[in-house]
Amino acid sequence: MVHLLNSKTFLKAILPLLLLGVLFFVYYVFNPSQSSFFLPCPLKYTTDLYCAGCGSQRAIHHLMHFEIFAAFRYNPILILSIPLLIYALIVEYLNFAFGTKHRVKLFYSNVFIVVYFGIAIVYSVLRNIPEEPFKYLAPLN
C-alpha cells in the first residue's frame, strides 16, 4: 500500500498544528489583563499612546472565550481582520505542508497595502483622541 503521507510531510503538517494548539492553550488559560506573562505594547509603555495593535492580546483572549463584543471593544480592527488572517494562514500552512507556492494575491497589491496601513494609521490617531465618539476606539482598561 502506498503511503499518502511520508514522515517528513506528516511532521510538516503536524508541527504548525501543535504550535497553534500551544498558542491557543496559552491565550485561553492566561488572561493578558491579569498576567505579567505577556509583553506590553512598547508604544503604550513609553508614550502612553495606543497603537493600532493595542488591546490585541486581550481581544484574542476574549475571542477564544466566545466573548465577541468584549473582543471587539479591545481591538475592532483586529477582529474585522481575522477572516483575512485565517485565510492567509491556511494558504501558508498548505504551502508549508505540501511544498506549494500559492500566494494570497491581495497581500501583493500596492493598493491594498496602502489602504490597510492607511486605515491602521488613521485608527491609531483616532483612538488616542479622548473625546466622544473616538474614546470608544481605545481598548478597555
N, C-alpha and C. Protein backbone atom coordinates (compact mmCIF):
# COMPACT_ATOMS: atom_id res chain seq x y z
N MET A 1 0.84 -1.18 0.00
CA MET A 1 0.00 0.00 0.00
C MET A 1 0.89 1.25 0.00
N VAL A 2 0.56 2.21 -0.85
CA VAL A 2 1.34 3.43 -0.95
C VAL A 2 0.92 4.38 0.17
N HIS A 3 1.90 4.88 0.87
CA HIS A 3 1.60 5.83 1.95
C HIS A 3 1.39 7.22 1.35
N LEU A 4 0.23 7.81 1.66
CA LEU A 4 -0.06 9.14 1.16
C LEU A 4 0.78 10.21 1.84
N LEU A 5 1.11 9.97 3.09
CA LEU A 5 1.93 10.93 3.83
C LEU A 5 3.18 10.22 4.33
N ASN A 6 4.34 10.66 3.89
CA ASN A 6 5.56 10.11 4.48
C ASN A 6 5.83 10.85 5.78
N SER A 7 6.81 10.44 6.52
CA SER A 7 7.05 11.01 7.84
C SER A 7 7.42 12.50 7.78
N LYS A 8 8.15 12.91 6.76
CA LYS A 8 8.54 14.32 6.65
C LYS A 8 7.31 15.20 6.38
N THR A 9 6.45 14.77 5.50
CA THR A 9 5.23 15.52 5.21
C THR A 9 4.32 15.55 6.43
N PHE A 10 4.24 14.43 7.13
CA PHE A 10 3.41 14.37 8.33
C PHE A 10 3.94 15.34 9.38
N LEU A 11 5.26 15.39 9.54
CA LEU A 11 5.87 16.30 10.50
C LEU A 11 5.60 17.75 10.11
N LYS A 12 5.71 18.06 8.81
CA LYS A 12 5.41 19.40 8.33
C LYS A 12 3.95 19.78 8.60
N ALA A 13 3.08 18.81 8.51
CA ALA A 13 1.66 19.08 8.71
C ALA A 13 1.31 19.21 10.18
N ILE A 14 1.91 18.41 11.03
CA ILE A 14 1.52 18.37 12.44
C ILE A 14 2.20 19.45 13.28
N LEU A 15 3.42 19.86 12.89
CA LEU A 15 4.15 20.86 13.68
C LEU A 15 3.42 22.19 13.80
N PRO A 16 2.93 22.78 12.71
CA PRO A 16 2.18 24.04 12.86
C PRO A 16 0.90 23.86 13.68
N LEU A 17 0.27 22.72 13.56
CA LEU A 17 -0.94 22.48 14.36
C LEU A 17 -0.61 22.41 15.85
N LEU A 18 0.50 21.78 16.19
CA LEU A 18 0.93 21.74 17.58
C LEU A 18 1.25 23.13 18.10
N LEU A 19 1.92 23.93 17.29
CA LEU A 19 2.24 25.30 17.68
C LEU A 19 0.96 26.11 17.91
N LEU A 20 0.01 25.99 16.99
CA LEU A 20 -1.26 26.68 17.17
C LEU A 20 -1.99 26.20 18.42
N GLY A 21 -1.89 24.91 18.71
CA GLY A 21 -2.51 24.36 19.91
C GLY A 21 -1.91 24.94 21.17
N VAL A 22 -0.58 25.08 21.19
CA VAL A 22 0.09 25.67 22.35
C VAL A 22 -0.32 27.14 22.50
N LEU A 23 -0.33 27.89 21.40
CA LEU A 23 -0.74 29.28 21.45
C LEU A 23 -2.19 29.41 21.92
N PHE A 24 -3.05 28.55 21.42
CA PHE A 24 -4.45 28.57 21.84
C PHE A 24 -4.54 28.31 23.34
N PHE A 25 -3.81 27.33 23.82
CA PHE A 25 -3.82 27.00 25.25
C PHE A 25 -3.38 28.19 26.09
N VAL A 26 -2.27 28.83 25.69
CA VAL A 26 -1.74 29.96 26.45
C VAL A 26 -2.75 31.10 26.50
N TYR A 27 -3.32 31.44 25.34
CA TYR A 27 -4.28 32.55 25.31
C TYR A 27 -5.61 32.18 25.96
N TYR A 28 -5.95 30.92 25.97
CA TYR A 28 -7.20 30.51 26.61
C TYR A 28 -7.06 30.50 28.13
N VAL A 29 -5.94 30.01 28.63
CA VAL A 29 -5.75 29.84 30.06
C VAL A 29 -5.31 31.14 30.74
N PHE A 30 -4.34 31.84 30.15
CA PHE A 30 -3.80 33.04 30.78
C PHE A 30 -4.51 34.28 30.25
N ASN A 31 -5.01 35.09 31.15
CA ASN A 31 -5.67 36.34 30.78
C ASN A 31 -4.62 37.44 30.69
N PRO A 32 -4.44 38.05 29.51
CA PRO A 32 -3.44 39.10 29.37
C PRO A 32 -3.69 40.31 30.29
N SER A 33 -4.93 40.51 30.71
CA SER A 33 -5.24 41.63 31.61
C SER A 33 -4.74 41.38 33.02
N GLN A 34 -4.56 40.11 33.37
CA GLN A 34 -4.20 39.77 34.75
C GLN A 34 -2.85 39.09 34.87
N SER A 35 -2.13 38.93 33.79
CA SER A 35 -0.87 38.19 33.82
C SER A 35 0.28 39.07 33.35
N SER A 36 1.41 38.96 33.99
CA SER A 36 2.60 39.68 33.55
C SER A 36 3.39 38.84 32.54
N PHE A 37 2.84 37.70 32.14
CA PHE A 37 3.47 36.80 31.19
C PHE A 37 3.56 37.43 29.80
N PHE A 38 2.59 38.28 29.47
CA PHE A 38 2.52 38.89 28.14
C PHE A 38 3.28 40.21 28.11
N LEU A 39 3.90 40.50 26.97
CA LEU A 39 4.65 41.73 26.81
C LEU A 39 3.71 42.92 26.62
N PRO A 40 4.03 44.06 27.23
CA PRO A 40 3.22 45.25 27.00
C PRO A 40 3.56 45.88 25.65
N CYS A 41 2.67 46.71 25.16
CA CYS A 41 2.93 47.43 23.91
C CYS A 41 4.05 48.44 24.15
N PRO A 42 5.12 48.42 23.37
CA PRO A 42 6.23 49.36 23.58
C PRO A 42 5.81 50.81 23.42
N LEU A 43 4.92 51.11 22.46
CA LEU A 43 4.47 52.48 22.26
C LEU A 43 3.65 52.96 23.46
N LYS A 44 2.74 52.13 23.92
CA LYS A 44 1.92 52.49 25.08
C LYS A 44 2.79 52.63 26.33
N TYR A 45 3.73 51.74 26.46
CA TYR A 45 4.62 51.74 27.64
C TYR A 45 5.47 53.01 27.70
N THR A 46 5.96 53.46 26.54
CA THR A 46 6.88 54.61 26.53
C THR A 46 6.19 55.96 26.35
N THR A 47 5.05 55.99 25.63
CA THR A 47 4.42 57.28 25.32
C THR A 47 3.01 57.43 25.89
N ASP A 48 2.44 56.36 26.39
CA ASP A 48 1.06 56.34 26.88
C ASP A 48 0.04 56.57 25.75
N LEU A 49 0.46 56.28 24.51
CA LEU A 49 -0.44 56.37 23.35
C LEU A 49 -0.76 54.96 22.87
N TYR A 50 -1.97 54.79 22.33
CA TYR A 50 -2.37 53.49 21.78
C TYR A 50 -1.96 53.38 20.32
N CYS A 51 -1.43 52.23 19.95
CA CYS A 51 -1.15 51.95 18.54
C CYS A 51 -2.34 51.16 17.98
N ALA A 52 -2.29 50.81 16.71
CA ALA A 52 -3.38 50.05 16.10
C ALA A 52 -3.50 48.65 16.69
N GLY A 53 -2.43 48.14 17.28
CA GLY A 53 -2.44 46.79 17.82
C GLY A 53 -2.76 46.70 19.30
N CYS A 54 -2.82 47.84 19.99
CA CYS A 54 -3.09 47.82 21.42
C CYS A 54 -4.43 47.15 21.71
N GLY A 55 -4.43 46.26 22.66
CA GLY A 55 -5.63 45.52 23.03
C GLY A 55 -5.79 44.21 22.28
N SER A 56 -4.87 43.91 21.35
CA SER A 56 -5.00 42.69 20.54
C SER A 56 -4.89 41.42 21.37
N GLN A 57 -3.96 41.39 22.33
CA GLN A 57 -3.82 40.18 23.14
C GLN A 57 -5.09 39.92 23.95
N ARG A 58 -5.64 40.97 24.53
CA ARG A 58 -6.88 40.81 25.30
C ARG A 58 -8.05 40.48 24.38
N ALA A 59 -8.06 41.05 23.18
CA ALA A 59 -9.13 40.76 22.22
C ALA A 59 -9.09 39.28 21.82
N ILE A 60 -7.90 38.75 21.56
CA ILE A 60 -7.77 37.34 21.21
C ILE A 60 -8.22 36.46 22.37
N HIS A 61 -7.84 36.83 23.58
CA HIS A 61 -8.26 36.06 24.76
C HIS A 61 -9.79 36.02 24.86
N HIS A 62 -10.44 37.15 24.71
CA HIS A 62 -11.90 37.19 24.80
C HIS A 62 -12.54 36.46 23.63
N LEU A 63 -11.94 36.54 22.46
CA LEU A 63 -12.48 35.84 21.30
C LEU A 63 -12.44 34.33 21.51
N MET A 64 -11.39 33.84 22.13
CA MET A 64 -11.28 32.40 22.41
C MET A 64 -12.30 31.95 23.44
N HIS A 65 -12.81 32.88 24.22
CA HIS A 65 -13.87 32.57 25.19
C HIS A 65 -15.25 32.92 24.62
N PHE A 66 -15.30 33.18 23.32
CA PHE A 66 -16.54 33.50 22.59
C PHE A 66 -17.22 34.75 23.13
N GLU A 67 -16.43 35.67 23.65
CA GLU A 67 -16.92 36.96 24.12
C GLU A 67 -16.62 37.98 23.01
N ILE A 68 -17.42 37.93 21.96
CA ILE A 68 -17.14 38.68 20.74
C ILE A 68 -17.25 40.19 20.97
N PHE A 69 -18.26 40.63 21.71
CA PHE A 69 -18.41 42.06 21.95
C PHE A 69 -17.22 42.60 22.74
N ALA A 70 -16.78 41.87 23.77
CA ALA A 70 -15.63 42.31 24.56
C ALA A 70 -14.38 42.32 23.67
N ALA A 71 -14.21 41.32 22.84
CA ALA A 71 -13.05 41.29 21.93
C ALA A 71 -13.08 42.49 20.99
N PHE A 72 -14.26 42.80 20.48
CA PHE A 72 -14.40 43.94 19.57
C PHE A 72 -14.09 45.25 20.30
N ARG A 73 -14.45 45.33 21.56
CA ARG A 73 -14.20 46.54 22.36
C ARG A 73 -12.71 46.76 22.63
N TYR A 74 -11.93 45.68 22.65
CA TYR A 74 -10.49 45.83 22.86
C TYR A 74 -9.76 46.22 21.59
N ASN A 75 -10.12 45.61 20.45
CA ASN A 75 -9.46 45.97 19.19
C ASN A 75 -10.34 45.60 18.00
N PRO A 76 -11.21 46.51 17.57
CA PRO A 76 -12.11 46.20 16.46
C PRO A 76 -11.40 45.94 15.13
N ILE A 77 -10.29 46.62 14.88
CA ILE A 77 -9.60 46.43 13.61
C ILE A 77 -9.03 45.01 13.50
N LEU A 78 -8.58 44.46 14.61
CA LEU A 78 -8.09 43.08 14.61
C LEU A 78 -9.23 42.11 14.35
N ILE A 79 -10.34 42.30 15.04
CA ILE A 79 -11.48 41.39 14.90
C ILE A 79 -12.00 41.41 13.46
N LEU A 80 -12.05 42.59 12.85
CA LEU A 80 -12.50 42.69 11.47
C LEU A 80 -11.49 42.10 10.48
N SER A 81 -10.23 42.02 10.89
CA SER A 81 -9.18 41.47 10.02
C SER A 81 -9.02 39.96 10.14
N ILE A 82 -9.62 39.36 11.14
CA ILE A 82 -9.41 37.93 11.40
C ILE A 82 -9.76 37.02 10.23
N PRO A 83 -10.89 37.22 9.53
CA PRO A 83 -11.15 36.32 8.38
C PRO A 83 -10.02 36.34 7.34
N LEU A 84 -9.49 37.51 7.06
CA LEU A 84 -8.38 37.63 6.12
C LEU A 84 -7.13 36.94 6.65
N LEU A 85 -6.86 37.12 7.94
CA LEU A 85 -5.70 36.48 8.56
C LEU A 85 -5.82 34.96 8.54
N ILE A 86 -7.01 34.45 8.83
CA ILE A 86 -7.23 32.99 8.82
C ILE A 86 -7.02 32.43 7.42
N TYR A 87 -7.55 33.12 6.42
CA TYR A 87 -7.36 32.69 5.03
C TYR A 87 -5.87 32.65 4.68
N ALA A 88 -5.13 33.69 5.05
CA ALA A 88 -3.69 33.75 4.75
C ALA A 88 -2.94 32.64 5.48
N LEU A 89 -3.30 32.38 6.73
CA LEU A 89 -2.64 31.31 7.49
C LEU A 89 -2.91 29.94 6.87
N ILE A 90 -4.13 29.73 6.41
CA ILE A 90 -4.45 28.45 5.77
C ILE A 90 -3.63 28.27 4.50
N VAL A 91 -3.54 29.32 3.69
CA VAL A 91 -2.75 29.24 2.45
C VAL A 91 -1.28 28.95 2.79
N GLU A 92 -0.73 29.65 3.77
CA GLU A 92 0.67 29.43 4.14
C GLU A 92 0.88 28.04 4.73
N TYR A 93 -0.06 27.58 5.52
CA TYR A 93 0.05 26.23 6.10
C TYR A 93 0.03 25.17 5.00
N LEU A 94 -0.87 25.31 4.04
CA LEU A 94 -0.93 24.35 2.93
C LEU A 94 0.34 24.40 2.09
N ASN A 95 0.87 25.59 1.88
CA ASN A 95 2.16 25.71 1.17
C ASN A 95 3.27 24.99 1.92
N PHE A 96 3.31 25.19 3.23
CA PHE A 96 4.34 24.56 4.06
C PHE A 96 4.18 23.04 4.05
N ALA A 97 2.95 22.57 4.20
CA ALA A 97 2.71 21.13 4.32
C ALA A 97 2.92 20.39 3.00
N PHE A 98 2.57 21.03 1.88
CA PHE A 98 2.60 20.31 0.61
C PHE A 98 3.65 20.84 -0.37
N GLY A 99 4.46 21.79 0.07
CA GLY A 99 5.54 22.29 -0.78
C GLY A 99 5.08 23.11 -1.96
N THR A 100 3.90 23.69 -1.88
CA THR A 100 3.40 24.53 -2.97
C THR A 100 3.81 25.97 -2.73
N LYS A 101 3.54 26.83 -3.70
CA LYS A 101 3.91 28.24 -3.58
C LYS A 101 2.75 29.14 -3.97
N HIS A 102 1.57 28.84 -3.47
CA HIS A 102 0.42 29.70 -3.72
C HIS A 102 0.57 30.96 -2.89
N ARG A 103 0.03 32.05 -3.38
CA ARG A 103 0.13 33.33 -2.69
C ARG A 103 -1.26 33.94 -2.50
N VAL A 104 -1.39 34.71 -1.44
CA VAL A 104 -2.59 35.50 -1.24
C VAL A 104 -2.34 36.78 -2.03
N LYS A 105 -2.91 36.85 -3.23
CA LYS A 105 -2.59 37.94 -4.15
C LYS A 105 -2.94 39.31 -3.58
N LEU A 106 -3.93 39.35 -2.70
CA LEU A 106 -4.33 40.62 -2.10
C LEU A 106 -3.16 41.25 -1.34
N PHE A 107 -2.34 40.45 -0.70
CA PHE A 107 -1.21 40.97 0.07
C PHE A 107 -0.11 41.54 -0.81
N TYR A 108 -0.15 41.26 -2.09
CA TYR A 108 0.85 41.77 -3.02
C TYR A 108 0.32 42.95 -3.83
N SER A 109 -0.86 43.42 -3.48
CA SER A 109 -1.47 44.56 -4.16
C SER A 109 -1.05 45.85 -3.45
N ASN A 110 -0.43 46.76 -4.19
CA ASN A 110 0.00 48.02 -3.60
C ASN A 110 -1.18 48.81 -3.05
N VAL A 111 -2.31 48.76 -3.74
CA VAL A 111 -3.50 49.48 -3.28
C VAL A 111 -3.95 48.93 -1.93
N PHE A 112 -4.01 47.61 -1.80
CA PHE A 112 -4.43 47.02 -0.53
C PHE A 112 -3.49 47.41 0.60
N ILE A 113 -2.20 47.34 0.35
CA ILE A 113 -1.21 47.65 1.38
C ILE A 113 -1.34 49.10 1.84
N VAL A 114 -1.45 50.03 0.89
CA VAL A 114 -1.56 51.44 1.24
C VAL A 114 -2.87 51.70 1.99
N VAL A 115 -3.98 51.13 1.51
CA VAL A 115 -5.27 51.35 2.17
C VAL A 115 -5.28 50.74 3.57
N TYR A 116 -4.80 49.50 3.70
CA TYR A 116 -4.83 48.83 5.01
C TYR A 116 -3.97 49.57 6.04
N PHE A 117 -2.75 49.94 5.65
CA PHE A 117 -1.90 50.65 6.59
C PHE A 117 -2.37 52.08 6.80
N GLY A 118 -3.00 52.66 5.80
CA GLY A 118 -3.61 53.98 5.99
C GLY A 118 -4.73 53.92 7.02
N ILE A 119 -5.55 52.88 6.94
CA ILE A 119 -6.61 52.68 7.93
C ILE A 119 -6.01 52.49 9.32
N ALA A 120 -4.94 51.72 9.41
CA ALA A 120 -4.29 51.48 10.70
C ALA A 120 -3.74 52.77 11.29
N ILE A 121 -3.16 53.63 10.47
CA ILE A 121 -2.61 54.90 10.96
C ILE A 121 -3.73 55.82 11.43
N VAL A 122 -4.78 55.95 10.60
CA VAL A 122 -5.92 56.79 10.99
C VAL A 122 -6.57 56.25 12.26
N TYR A 123 -6.72 54.94 12.34
CA TYR A 123 -7.29 54.29 13.53
C TYR A 123 -6.43 54.57 14.76
N SER A 124 -5.11 54.51 14.62
CA SER A 124 -4.21 54.79 15.74
C SER A 124 -4.36 56.22 16.23
N VAL A 125 -4.49 57.16 15.32
CA VAL A 125 -4.65 58.56 15.70
C VAL A 125 -6.01 58.77 16.37
N LEU A 126 -7.07 58.25 15.76
CA LEU A 126 -8.42 58.47 16.29
C LEU A 126 -8.61 57.85 17.66
N ARG A 127 -8.02 56.70 17.92
CA ARG A 127 -8.25 56.05 19.21
C ARG A 127 -7.51 56.74 20.36
N ASN A 128 -6.68 57.70 20.05
CA ASN A 128 -5.99 58.47 21.09
C ASN A 128 -6.65 59.81 21.37
N ILE A 129 -7.74 60.13 20.69
CA ILE A 129 -8.50 61.35 20.95
C ILE A 129 -9.45 61.06 22.10
N PRO A 130 -9.32 61.77 23.23
CA PRO A 130 -10.11 61.42 24.42
C PRO A 130 -11.54 61.96 24.41
N GLU A 131 -12.07 62.32 23.28
CA GLU A 131 -13.43 62.85 23.18
C GLU A 131 -14.34 61.82 22.52
N GLU A 132 -15.65 61.93 22.83
CA GLU A 132 -16.61 61.05 22.17
C GLU A 132 -16.70 61.43 20.71
N PRO A 133 -16.89 60.55 19.80
CA PRO A 133 -17.03 59.10 19.91
C PRO A 133 -15.71 58.36 19.83
N PHE A 134 -14.61 59.11 19.68
CA PHE A 134 -13.31 58.47 19.45
C PHE A 134 -12.80 57.70 20.67
N LYS A 135 -13.17 58.12 21.86
CA LYS A 135 -12.67 57.43 23.06
C LYS A 135 -13.14 55.97 23.11
N TYR A 136 -14.18 55.63 22.35
CA TYR A 136 -14.66 54.24 22.33
C TYR A 136 -13.78 53.34 21.46
N LEU A 137 -12.88 53.94 20.70
CA LEU A 137 -11.92 53.15 19.91
C LEU A 137 -10.74 52.67 20.74
N ALA A 138 -10.51 53.33 21.87
CA ALA A 138 -9.40 52.92 22.77
C ALA A 138 -9.78 51.62 23.45
N PRO A 139 -8.80 50.75 23.71
CA PRO A 139 -9.12 49.49 24.39
C PRO A 139 -9.60 49.74 25.81
N LEU A 140 -10.42 48.84 26.29
CA LEU A 140 -10.89 48.93 27.67
C LEU A 140 -9.71 48.84 28.61
N ASN A 141 -9.78 49.48 29.73
CA ASN A 141 -8.69 49.40 30.71
C ASN A 141 -8.98 48.41 31.79
